[in-house]
Amino acid sequence: MSPNKARSLLILLIMPAVVVIGFAVAFAVTYLRPSLLLAGIIVACCAFIVALVGVYQSMGRRWPLWLVAPAVAIAGIGTIMLAEDLALSKVGELTEVVVVSHDVEQETVHDSDNTGGREVYTHEYTLEKTDGTPVDQPMTYRGKDGFDDIDEGDTITVMIDPAGKVPTEPADEVDVPADIGILVVGTVLTIGAFGVCTLVVALRPRGPQRVR
C-alpha cells in the first residue's frame, strides 16, 4: 500500500471519531446548559466542517462531499434537537397559556465582505396562563414564518421550565422519539457515507508506474 493511500485511509478512519466527539460535546453543552444552545450548535458545525475538510483531503475530489455532508448534517440536527428536547422534558411542565402578543424582529446580516446580506427573523410570543398570570419567559422562534398556526389570542399548551433555564416550547414541538429517529437515520447514513469513501480509497488503483 502506498503512503498516500495509507494516509487517506487513516484520515477517513479518524473523521468519524471527530464527528462523534464533536457531536457528543455539542449534546452535552445543549443538554446541561440549554441557555448555551448557540454554543452547542457552533461545536456541532465545527465537527461538520472538520469532517468535510478531512474527506476532501483524503479523496481529492468534491463528489464525496455531496455524499457525506447531508448524512453528517442530519446526524448533527438530530443531536441538537434531542439534547434540547430531553432537557426540556426533564424539567418542563405542561401549561395551558394564551398568546398575548406576537412580535417579529427583522434584521439584515451582512456578509463578511459587505457584498450582500440576508434577512434574519426572530418571532417572540408573550404568554400568560389562562388565569391571567404572566409567563416570565417568552417563547422564541428564529425563522421567517414563526410557529405554524400560533398567533396572538390563541390558547396553546406549552412546556415551561419553572426555573427559566430551558426555552419555552409548544408541547407538540417536544418530540423525543422523533428526535431519536432523526439521529438514528443520520448515524446510519453517516456510517454508510464514510464506508463508501473508505471503500473507494481502498480499491483505488495505484497510479501508472514509470517505464524505465
N, C-alpha and C. Protein backbone atom coordinates (compact mmCIF):
# COMPACT_ATOMS: atom_id res chain seq x y z
N MET A 1 0.84 -1.20 0.00
CA MET A 1 0.00 0.00 0.00
C MET A 1 0.87 1.24 0.00
N SER A 2 0.55 2.19 -0.87
CA SER A 2 1.34 3.40 -0.96
C SER A 2 1.11 4.29 0.26
N PRO A 3 2.10 5.15 0.59
CA PRO A 3 1.95 6.05 1.74
C PRO A 3 0.73 6.97 1.60
N ASN A 4 0.46 7.44 0.38
CA ASN A 4 -0.68 8.34 0.18
C ASN A 4 -2.00 7.65 0.46
N LYS A 5 -2.11 6.40 0.00
CA LYS A 5 -3.34 5.65 0.25
C LYS A 5 -3.51 5.38 1.74
N ALA A 6 -2.41 5.01 2.39
CA ALA A 6 -2.47 4.76 3.84
C ALA A 6 -2.88 6.01 4.60
N ARG A 7 -2.35 7.15 4.18
CA ARG A 7 -2.70 8.42 4.83
C ARG A 7 -4.17 8.74 4.62
N SER A 8 -4.67 8.53 3.41
CA SER A 8 -6.08 8.80 3.11
C SER A 8 -7.00 7.90 3.93
N LEU A 9 -6.65 6.62 4.02
CA LEU A 9 -7.47 5.70 4.81
C LEU A 9 -7.45 6.08 6.29
N LEU A 10 -6.29 6.50 6.78
CA LEU A 10 -6.20 6.90 8.19
C LEU A 10 -7.09 8.11 8.48
N ILE A 11 -7.08 9.08 7.57
CA ILE A 11 -7.93 10.26 7.75
C ILE A 11 -9.40 9.87 7.76
N LEU A 12 -9.79 8.98 6.84
CA LEU A 12 -11.19 8.55 6.77
C LEU A 12 -11.61 7.76 8.00
N LEU A 13 -10.67 7.10 8.64
CA LEU A 13 -10.98 6.39 9.87
C LEU A 13 -11.06 7.33 11.06
N ILE A 14 -10.30 8.42 11.01
CA ILE A 14 -10.30 9.38 12.11
C ILE A 14 -11.52 10.29 12.08
N MET A 15 -11.98 10.64 10.88
CA MET A 15 -13.07 11.61 10.75
C MET A 15 -14.36 11.19 11.47
N PRO A 16 -14.79 9.92 11.37
CA PRO A 16 -15.99 9.55 12.13
C PRO A 16 -15.82 9.75 13.64
N ALA A 17 -14.61 9.49 14.13
CA ALA A 17 -14.35 9.72 15.56
C ALA A 17 -14.45 11.20 15.91
N VAL A 18 -13.96 12.05 14.99
CA VAL A 18 -14.06 13.51 15.20
C VAL A 18 -15.52 13.93 15.26
N VAL A 19 -16.33 13.37 14.35
CA VAL A 19 -17.76 13.70 14.33
C VAL A 19 -18.44 13.26 15.62
N VAL A 20 -18.15 12.04 16.06
CA VAL A 20 -18.76 11.52 17.29
C VAL A 20 -18.38 12.38 18.49
N ILE A 21 -17.09 12.69 18.62
CA ILE A 21 -16.64 13.51 19.75
C ILE A 21 -17.26 14.90 19.70
N GLY A 22 -17.23 15.52 18.51
CA GLY A 22 -17.80 16.85 18.37
C GLY A 22 -19.28 16.89 18.70
N PHE A 23 -20.03 15.93 18.19
CA PHE A 23 -21.47 15.89 18.45
C PHE A 23 -21.76 15.55 19.91
N ALA A 24 -20.91 14.71 20.51
CA ALA A 24 -21.09 14.38 21.93
C ALA A 24 -20.91 15.63 22.80
N VAL A 25 -19.90 16.44 22.47
CA VAL A 25 -19.68 17.69 23.21
C VAL A 25 -20.86 18.64 22.98
N ALA A 26 -21.33 18.74 21.73
CA ALA A 26 -22.48 19.60 21.42
C ALA A 26 -23.71 19.15 22.20
N PHE A 27 -23.92 17.83 22.27
CA PHE A 27 -25.06 17.29 23.01
C PHE A 27 -24.95 17.64 24.49
N ALA A 28 -23.77 17.45 25.06
CA ALA A 28 -23.57 17.72 26.49
C ALA A 28 -23.80 19.19 26.82
N VAL A 29 -23.27 20.07 25.97
CA VAL A 29 -23.43 21.51 26.20
C VAL A 29 -24.90 21.90 26.14
N THR A 30 -25.61 21.41 25.12
CA THR A 30 -27.01 21.77 24.94
C THR A 30 -27.90 21.17 26.02
N TYR A 31 -27.61 19.95 26.42
CA TYR A 31 -28.42 19.26 27.43
C TYR A 31 -28.20 19.84 28.83
N LEU A 32 -26.93 20.05 29.18
CA LEU A 32 -26.61 20.52 30.52
C LEU A 32 -26.86 22.02 30.70
N ARG A 33 -26.65 22.80 29.61
CA ARG A 33 -26.85 24.25 29.68
C ARG A 33 -27.66 24.69 28.46
N PRO A 34 -28.96 24.48 28.48
CA PRO A 34 -29.79 24.83 27.32
C PRO A 34 -29.68 26.29 26.91
N SER A 35 -29.33 27.16 27.85
CA SER A 35 -29.16 28.58 27.50
C SER A 35 -27.98 28.78 26.56
N LEU A 36 -27.09 27.78 26.48
CA LEU A 36 -25.93 27.85 25.59
C LEU A 36 -26.19 27.07 24.30
N LEU A 37 -27.43 27.09 23.85
CA LEU A 37 -27.80 26.36 22.62
C LEU A 37 -26.92 26.77 21.45
N LEU A 38 -26.67 28.07 21.32
CA LEU A 38 -25.84 28.55 20.20
C LEU A 38 -24.45 27.95 20.26
N ALA A 39 -23.89 27.83 21.47
CA ALA A 39 -22.56 27.23 21.63
C ALA A 39 -22.57 25.77 21.18
N GLY A 40 -23.63 25.04 21.53
CA GLY A 40 -23.74 23.65 21.10
C GLY A 40 -23.82 23.54 19.59
N ILE A 41 -24.57 24.44 18.97
CA ILE A 41 -24.69 24.44 17.51
C ILE A 41 -23.34 24.74 16.86
N ILE A 42 -22.61 25.68 17.44
CA ILE A 42 -21.29 26.04 16.89
C ILE A 42 -20.34 24.85 16.96
N VAL A 43 -20.34 24.14 18.10
CA VAL A 43 -19.48 22.96 18.24
C VAL A 43 -19.83 21.91 17.20
N ALA A 44 -21.14 21.67 17.00
CA ALA A 44 -21.57 20.69 16.00
C ALA A 44 -21.16 21.12 14.60
N CYS A 45 -21.28 22.40 14.31
CA CYS A 45 -20.88 22.91 12.98
C CYS A 45 -19.38 22.75 12.76
N CYS A 46 -18.60 22.97 13.81
CA CYS A 46 -17.14 22.80 13.69
C CYS A 46 -16.79 21.35 13.35
N ALA A 47 -17.45 20.40 14.04
CA ALA A 47 -17.22 18.99 13.74
C ALA A 47 -17.63 18.66 12.31
N PHE A 48 -18.73 19.25 11.86
CA PHE A 48 -19.21 19.05 10.49
C PHE A 48 -18.18 19.55 9.48
N ILE A 49 -17.64 20.74 9.70
CA ILE A 49 -16.67 21.33 8.77
C ILE A 49 -15.38 20.52 8.75
N VAL A 50 -14.90 20.12 9.93
CA VAL A 50 -13.67 19.32 10.00
C VAL A 50 -13.85 18.00 9.23
N ALA A 51 -15.02 17.39 9.36
CA ALA A 51 -15.29 16.14 8.66
C ALA A 51 -15.23 16.34 7.14
N LEU A 52 -15.83 17.42 6.66
CA LEU A 52 -15.83 17.67 5.22
C LEU A 52 -14.41 17.96 4.70
N VAL A 53 -13.66 18.74 5.48
CA VAL A 53 -12.28 19.03 5.08
C VAL A 53 -11.46 17.75 5.04
N GLY A 54 -11.64 16.90 6.04
CA GLY A 54 -10.90 15.63 6.07
C GLY A 54 -11.25 14.73 4.90
N VAL A 55 -12.53 14.66 4.55
CA VAL A 55 -12.95 13.84 3.41
C VAL A 55 -12.36 14.39 2.11
N TYR A 56 -12.39 15.69 1.96
CA TYR A 56 -11.84 16.28 0.73
C TYR A 56 -10.34 16.06 0.63
N GLN A 57 -9.64 16.19 1.76
CA GLN A 57 -8.19 15.98 1.77
C GLN A 57 -7.83 14.53 1.43
N SER A 58 -8.63 13.61 1.91
CA SER A 58 -8.31 12.19 1.68
C SER A 58 -8.73 11.71 0.30
N MET A 59 -9.83 12.29 -0.23
CA MET A 59 -10.34 11.84 -1.52
C MET A 59 -9.81 12.66 -2.69
N GLY A 60 -9.55 13.94 -2.46
CA GLY A 60 -9.06 14.81 -3.53
C GLY A 60 -10.12 15.14 -4.57
N ARG A 61 -11.38 14.88 -4.25
CA ARG A 61 -12.48 15.13 -5.17
C ARG A 61 -13.66 15.72 -4.40
N ARG A 62 -14.54 16.40 -5.13
CA ARG A 62 -15.65 17.06 -4.48
C ARG A 62 -16.89 16.18 -4.34
N TRP A 63 -17.05 15.18 -5.21
CA TRP A 63 -18.30 14.41 -5.16
C TRP A 63 -18.53 13.71 -3.83
N PRO A 64 -17.48 13.25 -3.10
CA PRO A 64 -17.77 12.62 -1.80
C PRO A 64 -18.42 13.58 -0.81
N LEU A 65 -18.18 14.90 -0.97
CA LEU A 65 -18.78 15.87 -0.05
C LEU A 65 -20.31 15.85 -0.17
N TRP A 66 -20.83 15.62 -1.39
CA TRP A 66 -22.27 15.55 -1.59
C TRP A 66 -22.85 14.30 -0.96
N LEU A 67 -22.01 13.34 -0.66
CA LEU A 67 -22.44 12.11 -0.01
C LEU A 67 -22.37 12.24 1.51
N VAL A 68 -21.27 12.82 1.98
CA VAL A 68 -21.03 12.90 3.42
C VAL A 68 -21.80 14.05 4.08
N ALA A 69 -21.83 15.21 3.41
CA ALA A 69 -22.41 16.41 4.03
C ALA A 69 -23.86 16.22 4.49
N PRO A 70 -24.78 15.73 3.64
CA PRO A 70 -26.17 15.56 4.12
C PRO A 70 -26.28 14.58 5.27
N ALA A 71 -25.50 13.50 5.22
CA ALA A 71 -25.58 12.49 6.28
C ALA A 71 -25.13 13.05 7.62
N VAL A 72 -23.99 13.73 7.63
CA VAL A 72 -23.48 14.30 8.88
C VAL A 72 -24.40 15.42 9.37
N ALA A 73 -24.95 16.19 8.44
CA ALA A 73 -25.86 17.28 8.83
C ALA A 73 -27.10 16.74 9.52
N ILE A 74 -27.69 15.67 8.99
CA ILE A 74 -28.87 15.07 9.61
C ILE A 74 -28.54 14.57 11.01
N ALA A 75 -27.38 13.93 11.16
CA ALA A 75 -26.97 13.45 12.48
C ALA A 75 -26.78 14.61 13.45
N GLY A 76 -26.20 15.71 12.96
CA GLY A 76 -25.98 16.87 13.82
C GLY A 76 -27.29 17.51 14.25
N ILE A 77 -28.23 17.65 13.32
CA ILE A 77 -29.53 18.23 13.64
C ILE A 77 -30.25 17.36 14.67
N GLY A 78 -30.21 16.05 14.47
CA GLY A 78 -30.83 15.14 15.43
C GLY A 78 -30.20 15.23 16.80
N THR A 79 -28.88 15.41 16.86
CA THR A 79 -28.18 15.52 18.14
C THR A 79 -28.64 16.75 18.92
N ILE A 80 -28.67 17.90 18.26
CA ILE A 80 -29.06 19.14 18.93
C ILE A 80 -30.53 19.11 19.34
N MET A 81 -31.40 18.64 18.44
CA MET A 81 -32.83 18.58 18.76
C MET A 81 -33.10 17.65 19.93
N LEU A 82 -32.43 16.50 19.95
CA LEU A 82 -32.63 15.54 21.03
C LEU A 82 -32.16 16.12 22.36
N ALA A 83 -30.99 16.76 22.37
CA ALA A 83 -30.47 17.34 23.61
C ALA A 83 -31.41 18.41 24.15
N GLU A 84 -31.90 19.27 23.26
CA GLU A 84 -32.79 20.36 23.68
C GLU A 84 -34.12 19.83 24.22
N ASP A 85 -34.70 18.86 23.52
CA ASP A 85 -35.99 18.32 23.96
C ASP A 85 -35.86 17.49 25.23
N LEU A 86 -34.75 16.76 25.38
CA LEU A 86 -34.53 16.00 26.62
C LEU A 86 -34.40 16.93 27.81
N ALA A 87 -33.68 18.03 27.62
CA ALA A 87 -33.51 18.99 28.71
C ALA A 87 -34.85 19.57 29.13
N LEU A 88 -35.69 19.91 28.16
CA LEU A 88 -36.99 20.48 28.49
C LEU A 88 -37.93 19.42 29.07
N SER A 89 -37.87 18.20 28.56
CA SER A 89 -38.72 17.12 29.07
C SER A 89 -38.40 16.81 30.53
N LYS A 90 -37.13 16.99 30.90
CA LYS A 90 -36.70 16.66 32.26
C LYS A 90 -37.27 17.64 33.29
N VAL A 91 -37.34 18.92 32.93
CA VAL A 91 -37.74 19.94 33.92
C VAL A 91 -39.03 20.66 33.55
N GLY A 92 -39.51 20.49 32.30
CA GLY A 92 -40.65 21.26 31.82
C GLY A 92 -41.98 20.80 32.41
N GLU A 93 -42.89 21.74 32.51
CA GLU A 93 -44.24 21.46 32.99
C GLU A 93 -45.25 21.82 31.90
N LEU A 94 -46.18 20.91 31.63
CA LEU A 94 -47.22 21.19 30.65
C LEU A 94 -48.14 22.28 31.20
N THR A 95 -48.29 23.35 30.45
CA THR A 95 -49.07 24.50 30.91
C THR A 95 -49.91 25.04 29.75
N GLU A 96 -51.17 25.31 30.03
CA GLU A 96 -52.03 25.92 29.03
C GLU A 96 -51.90 27.44 29.14
N VAL A 97 -51.60 28.09 28.04
CA VAL A 97 -51.35 29.53 28.06
C VAL A 97 -52.09 30.21 26.91
N VAL A 98 -52.15 31.52 27.01
CA VAL A 98 -52.73 32.35 25.95
C VAL A 98 -51.61 33.22 25.37
N VAL A 99 -51.56 33.31 24.04
CA VAL A 99 -50.57 34.16 23.38
C VAL A 99 -51.08 35.61 23.46
N VAL A 100 -50.40 36.41 24.28
CA VAL A 100 -50.81 37.80 24.49
C VAL A 100 -50.39 38.67 23.32
N SER A 101 -49.17 38.47 22.84
CA SER A 101 -48.68 39.26 21.71
C SER A 101 -47.68 38.46 20.91
N HIS A 102 -47.55 38.82 19.65
CA HIS A 102 -46.62 38.15 18.73
C HIS A 102 -45.85 39.24 18.00
N ASP A 103 -44.58 39.41 18.37
CA ASP A 103 -43.74 40.45 17.78
C ASP A 103 -42.68 39.82 16.90
N VAL A 104 -42.40 40.46 15.78
CA VAL A 104 -41.40 39.96 14.83
C VAL A 104 -40.31 41.01 14.66
N GLU A 105 -39.08 40.59 14.86
CA GLU A 105 -37.93 41.47 14.65
C GLU A 105 -37.18 41.02 13.41
N GLN A 106 -36.97 41.93 12.48
CA GLN A 106 -36.26 41.63 11.24
C GLN A 106 -34.92 42.35 11.23
N GLU A 107 -33.87 41.60 10.93
CA GLU A 107 -32.53 42.17 10.93
C GLU A 107 -31.78 41.70 9.69
N THR A 108 -31.03 42.60 9.09
CA THR A 108 -30.21 42.26 7.93
C THR A 108 -28.80 41.94 8.38
N VAL A 109 -28.35 40.73 8.10
CA VAL A 109 -27.00 40.31 8.45
C VAL A 109 -26.16 40.34 7.19
N HIS A 110 -25.12 41.16 7.19
CA HIS A 110 -24.27 41.33 6.01
C HIS A 110 -23.15 40.30 5.99
N ASP A 111 -22.72 39.96 4.78
CA ASP A 111 -21.59 39.06 4.62
C ASP A 111 -20.31 39.75 5.10
N SER A 112 -19.28 38.94 5.33
CA SER A 112 -18.02 39.48 5.83
C SER A 112 -17.39 40.50 4.89
N ASP A 113 -17.64 40.35 3.57
CA ASP A 113 -17.07 41.29 2.61
C ASP A 113 -18.04 42.42 2.25
N ASN A 114 -19.19 42.46 2.96
CA ASN A 114 -20.19 43.52 2.77
C ASN A 114 -20.73 43.59 1.34
N THR A 115 -20.68 42.47 0.62
CA THR A 115 -21.19 42.45 -0.75
C THR A 115 -22.66 42.03 -0.81
N GLY A 116 -23.19 41.56 0.27
CA GLY A 116 -24.58 41.11 0.28
C GLY A 116 -25.03 40.87 1.70
N GLY A 117 -26.24 40.43 1.85
CA GLY A 117 -26.77 40.18 3.19
C GLY A 117 -27.99 39.29 3.12
N ARG A 118 -28.44 38.87 4.28
CA ARG A 118 -29.64 38.03 4.36
C ARG A 118 -30.51 38.52 5.52
N GLU A 119 -31.78 38.29 5.39
CA GLU A 119 -32.73 38.73 6.41
C GLU A 119 -32.88 37.65 7.48
N VAL A 120 -32.78 38.06 8.73
CA VAL A 120 -32.95 37.16 9.87
C VAL A 120 -34.18 37.59 10.65
N TYR A 121 -35.09 36.64 10.88
CA TYR A 121 -36.34 36.94 11.56
C TYR A 121 -36.36 36.28 12.93
N THR A 122 -36.79 37.03 13.95
CA THR A 122 -36.95 36.49 15.29
C THR A 122 -38.37 36.77 15.76
N HIS A 123 -39.13 35.72 16.01
CA HIS A 123 -40.51 35.85 16.49
C HIS A 123 -40.51 35.67 18.01
N GLU A 124 -41.13 36.58 18.71
CA GLU A 124 -41.23 36.50 20.17
C GLU A 124 -42.71 36.51 20.57
N TYR A 125 -43.11 35.45 21.26
CA TYR A 125 -44.50 35.31 21.68
C TYR A 125 -44.58 35.54 23.20
N THR A 126 -45.29 36.57 23.61
CA THR A 126 -45.50 36.84 25.03
C THR A 126 -46.72 36.04 25.49
N LEU A 127 -46.56 35.32 26.61
CA LEU A 127 -47.58 34.38 27.06
C LEU A 127 -48.10 34.75 28.44
N GLU A 128 -49.30 34.29 28.73
CA GLU A 128 -49.82 34.34 30.09
C GLU A 128 -50.68 33.11 30.31
N LYS A 129 -50.74 32.67 31.56
CA LYS A 129 -51.55 31.49 31.89
C LYS A 129 -53.03 31.84 31.76
N THR A 130 -53.86 30.80 31.70
CA THR A 130 -55.29 31.03 31.49
C THR A 130 -55.94 31.76 32.65
N ASP A 131 -55.28 31.78 33.82
CA ASP A 131 -55.82 32.53 34.96
C ASP A 131 -55.33 33.97 34.98
N GLY A 132 -54.60 34.37 33.92
CA GLY A 132 -54.12 35.75 33.82
C GLY A 132 -52.72 35.97 34.35
N THR A 133 -52.08 34.95 34.91
CA THR A 133 -50.73 35.09 35.44
C THR A 133 -49.73 35.17 34.28
N PRO A 134 -48.92 36.21 34.23
CA PRO A 134 -47.96 36.31 33.11
C PRO A 134 -46.87 35.25 33.20
N VAL A 135 -46.40 34.80 32.05
CA VAL A 135 -45.28 33.87 31.96
C VAL A 135 -44.02 34.70 31.74
N ASP A 136 -43.06 34.57 32.67
CA ASP A 136 -41.88 35.43 32.62
C ASP A 136 -41.07 35.26 31.34
N GLN A 137 -40.95 34.01 30.89
CA GLN A 137 -40.09 33.74 29.74
C GLN A 137 -40.93 33.66 28.46
N PRO A 138 -40.68 34.55 27.48
CA PRO A 138 -41.44 34.47 26.22
C PRO A 138 -41.00 33.26 25.41
N MET A 139 -41.82 32.91 24.44
CA MET A 139 -41.49 31.81 23.53
C MET A 139 -40.88 32.42 22.27
N THR A 140 -39.73 31.89 21.87
CA THR A 140 -38.99 32.49 20.76
C THR A 140 -38.84 31.50 19.62
N TYR A 141 -38.97 32.03 18.40
CA TYR A 141 -38.76 31.23 17.19
C TYR A 141 -37.89 32.04 16.24
N ARG A 142 -36.81 31.43 15.75
CA ARG A 142 -35.92 32.10 14.80
C ARG A 142 -36.13 31.50 13.42
N GLY A 143 -36.76 32.27 12.57
CA GLY A 143 -37.10 31.82 11.23
C GLY A 143 -38.10 32.79 10.63
N LYS A 144 -38.37 32.64 9.36
CA LYS A 144 -39.19 33.64 8.67
C LYS A 144 -40.66 33.60 9.07
N ASP A 145 -41.24 32.41 9.18
CA ASP A 145 -42.69 32.29 9.32
C ASP A 145 -43.18 32.09 10.75
N GLY A 146 -42.30 31.79 11.70
CA GLY A 146 -42.74 31.55 13.07
C GLY A 146 -43.37 30.18 13.23
N PHE A 147 -43.93 29.94 14.42
CA PHE A 147 -44.59 28.65 14.67
C PHE A 147 -45.87 28.56 13.83
N ASP A 148 -46.10 27.38 13.28
CA ASP A 148 -47.30 27.17 12.47
C ASP A 148 -48.56 27.29 13.32
N ASP A 149 -49.55 28.04 12.83
CA ASP A 149 -50.88 28.13 13.44
C ASP A 149 -50.85 28.65 14.87
N ILE A 150 -49.84 29.46 15.22
CA ILE A 150 -49.80 30.09 16.54
C ILE A 150 -49.70 31.59 16.35
N ASP A 151 -50.65 32.30 16.91
CA ASP A 151 -50.62 33.75 16.77
C ASP A 151 -51.32 34.38 17.98
N GLU A 152 -51.35 35.68 17.99
CA GLU A 152 -51.92 36.42 19.11
C GLU A 152 -53.37 36.03 19.35
N GLY A 153 -53.69 35.76 20.61
CA GLY A 153 -55.04 35.38 21.00
C GLY A 153 -55.26 33.89 21.09
N ASP A 154 -54.35 33.09 20.57
CA ASP A 154 -54.52 31.63 20.59
C ASP A 154 -54.25 31.07 21.97
N THR A 155 -54.96 30.00 22.31
CA THR A 155 -54.70 29.25 23.54
C THR A 155 -53.98 27.97 23.17
N ILE A 156 -52.81 27.76 23.72
CA ILE A 156 -51.98 26.62 23.35
C ILE A 156 -51.42 25.96 24.61
N THR A 157 -50.89 24.76 24.43
CA THR A 157 -50.22 24.05 25.52
C THR A 157 -48.72 24.08 25.27
N VAL A 158 -47.97 24.51 26.28
CA VAL A 158 -46.53 24.63 26.14
C VAL A 158 -45.82 23.90 27.28
N MET A 159 -44.53 23.69 27.08
CA MET A 159 -43.66 23.14 28.14
C MET A 159 -42.85 24.30 28.70
N ILE A 160 -43.00 24.54 30.00
CA ILE A 160 -42.32 25.66 30.65
C ILE A 160 -41.41 25.14 31.74
N ASP A 161 -40.19 25.64 31.76
CA ASP A 161 -39.24 25.34 32.83
C ASP A 161 -39.47 26.37 33.94
N PRO A 162 -39.92 25.94 35.13
CA PRO A 162 -40.18 26.90 36.21
C PRO A 162 -38.96 27.73 36.58
N ALA A 163 -37.77 27.16 36.38
CA ALA A 163 -36.54 27.89 36.72
C ALA A 163 -36.12 28.85 35.62
N GLY A 164 -36.73 28.73 34.44
CA GLY A 164 -36.42 29.63 33.34
C GLY A 164 -35.10 29.37 32.66
N LYS A 165 -34.53 28.18 32.86
CA LYS A 165 -33.22 27.87 32.26
C LYS A 165 -33.36 27.25 30.87
N VAL A 166 -34.51 26.63 30.60
CA VAL A 166 -34.74 25.97 29.32
C VAL A 166 -35.80 26.76 28.55
N PRO A 167 -35.57 27.05 27.27
CA PRO A 167 -36.54 27.83 26.50
C PRO A 167 -37.92 27.19 26.48
N THR A 168 -38.95 28.03 26.55
CA THR A 168 -40.33 27.56 26.45
C THR A 168 -40.62 27.10 25.02
N GLU A 169 -41.30 25.96 24.90
CA GLU A 169 -41.61 25.41 23.58
C GLU A 169 -43.05 24.92 23.56
N PRO A 170 -43.71 24.95 22.38
CA PRO A 170 -45.03 24.31 22.25
C PRO A 170 -44.90 22.83 22.58
N ALA A 171 -45.88 22.30 23.28
CA ALA A 171 -45.78 20.91 23.72
C ALA A 171 -45.64 19.94 22.56
N ASP A 172 -46.32 20.22 21.43
CA ASP A 172 -46.24 19.29 20.31
C ASP A 172 -44.93 19.39 19.55
N GLU A 173 -44.10 20.39 19.88
CA GLU A 173 -42.78 20.51 19.27
C GLU A 173 -41.73 19.68 20.00
N VAL A 174 -42.05 19.26 21.22
CA VAL A 174 -41.12 18.45 22.03
C VAL A 174 -41.43 16.98 21.76
N ASP A 175 -40.68 16.38 20.86
CA ASP A 175 -40.94 15.01 20.41
C ASP A 175 -39.64 14.22 20.45
N VAL A 176 -39.36 13.64 21.60
CA VAL A 176 -38.10 12.91 21.78
C VAL A 176 -37.99 11.70 20.85
N PRO A 177 -39.04 10.86 20.70
CA PRO A 177 -38.92 9.73 19.77
C PRO A 177 -38.58 10.15 18.35
N ALA A 178 -39.18 11.25 17.88
CA ALA A 178 -38.86 11.73 16.53
C ALA A 178 -37.41 12.18 16.44
N ASP A 179 -36.92 12.84 17.50
CA ASP A 179 -35.51 13.28 17.53
C ASP A 179 -34.58 12.08 17.47
N ILE A 180 -34.92 11.03 18.22
CA ILE A 180 -34.10 9.81 18.21
C ILE A 180 -34.10 9.20 16.82
N GLY A 181 -35.27 9.22 16.16
CA GLY A 181 -35.36 8.68 14.81
C GLY A 181 -34.46 9.43 13.84
N ILE A 182 -34.47 10.78 13.93
CA ILE A 182 -33.62 11.59 13.05
C ILE A 182 -32.15 11.27 13.31
N LEU A 183 -31.79 11.16 14.59
CA LEU A 183 -30.39 10.87 14.94
C LEU A 183 -29.97 9.49 14.43
N VAL A 184 -30.85 8.51 14.57
CA VAL A 184 -30.52 7.15 14.10
C VAL A 184 -30.33 7.14 12.59
N VAL A 185 -31.25 7.79 11.87
CA VAL A 185 -31.15 7.85 10.41
C VAL A 185 -29.85 8.54 10.00
N GLY A 186 -29.54 9.68 10.66
CA GLY A 186 -28.31 10.40 10.34
C GLY A 186 -27.08 9.58 10.64
N THR A 187 -27.11 8.83 11.73
CA THR A 187 -25.96 7.99 12.10
C THR A 187 -25.74 6.88 11.08
N VAL A 188 -26.82 6.23 10.67
CA VAL A 188 -26.71 5.15 9.68
C VAL A 188 -26.19 5.70 8.35
N LEU A 189 -26.74 6.85 7.94
CA LEU A 189 -26.28 7.46 6.69
C LEU A 189 -24.82 7.88 6.77
N THR A 190 -24.41 8.39 7.93
CA THR A 190 -23.02 8.81 8.10
C THR A 190 -22.07 7.62 8.02
N ILE A 191 -22.44 6.53 8.69
CA ILE A 191 -21.61 5.32 8.64
C ILE A 191 -21.52 4.82 7.19
N GLY A 192 -22.66 4.83 6.50
CA GLY A 192 -22.65 4.39 5.11
C GLY A 192 -21.81 5.28 4.22
N ALA A 193 -21.91 6.62 4.41
CA ALA A 193 -21.16 7.55 3.57
C ALA A 193 -19.66 7.39 3.77
N PHE A 194 -19.23 7.31 5.03
CA PHE A 194 -17.80 7.12 5.29
C PHE A 194 -17.34 5.74 4.83
N GLY A 195 -18.24 4.75 4.93
CA GLY A 195 -17.89 3.41 4.45
C GLY A 195 -17.64 3.40 2.95
N VAL A 196 -18.50 4.09 2.20
CA VAL A 196 -18.33 4.17 0.75
C VAL A 196 -17.00 4.86 0.41
N CYS A 197 -16.73 5.98 1.09
CA CYS A 197 -15.49 6.71 0.83
C CYS A 197 -14.26 5.85 1.13
N THR A 198 -14.32 5.12 2.24
CA THR A 198 -13.20 4.26 2.61
C THR A 198 -13.01 3.15 1.58
N LEU A 199 -14.12 2.59 1.11
CA LEU A 199 -14.05 1.52 0.12
C LEU A 199 -13.47 2.03 -1.19
N VAL A 200 -13.88 3.23 -1.60
CA VAL A 200 -13.37 3.81 -2.85
C VAL A 200 -11.86 4.02 -2.76
N VAL A 201 -11.39 4.54 -1.63
CA VAL A 201 -9.95 4.77 -1.47
C VAL A 201 -9.20 3.44 -1.42
N ALA A 202 -9.76 2.46 -0.71
CA ALA A 202 -9.08 1.17 -0.57
C ALA A 202 -8.94 0.46 -1.91
N LEU A 203 -9.95 0.63 -2.78
CA LEU A 203 -9.93 -0.06 -4.07
C LEU A 203 -9.34 0.79 -5.19
N ARG A 204 -8.93 2.00 -4.85
CA ARG A 204 -8.39 2.90 -5.87
C ARG A 204 -7.09 2.31 -6.43
N PRO A 205 -6.99 2.16 -7.73
CA PRO A 205 -5.76 1.60 -8.29
C PRO A 205 -4.59 2.57 -8.14
N ARG A 206 -3.43 2.00 -8.06
CA ARG A 206 -2.24 2.82 -7.97
C ARG A 206 -2.00 3.53 -9.29
N GLY A 207 -1.40 4.68 -9.24
CA GLY A 207 -1.10 5.44 -10.45
C GLY A 207 -0.17 4.67 -11.35
N PRO A 208 -0.11 5.05 -12.60
CA PRO A 208 0.76 4.35 -13.56
C PRO A 208 2.21 4.44 -13.15
N GLN A 209 2.90 3.34 -13.24
CA GLN A 209 4.29 3.28 -12.87
C GLN A 209 5.16 3.79 -14.04
N ARG A 210 6.27 4.32 -13.68
CA ARG A 210 7.20 4.81 -14.70
C ARG A 210 7.88 3.64 -15.42
N VAL A 211 8.05 3.80 -16.73
CA VAL A 211 8.74 2.77 -17.53
C VAL A 211 10.20 3.14 -17.63
N ARG A 212 11.01 2.27 -17.15
CA ARG A 212 12.46 2.53 -17.20
C ARG A 212 13.03 2.07 -18.53
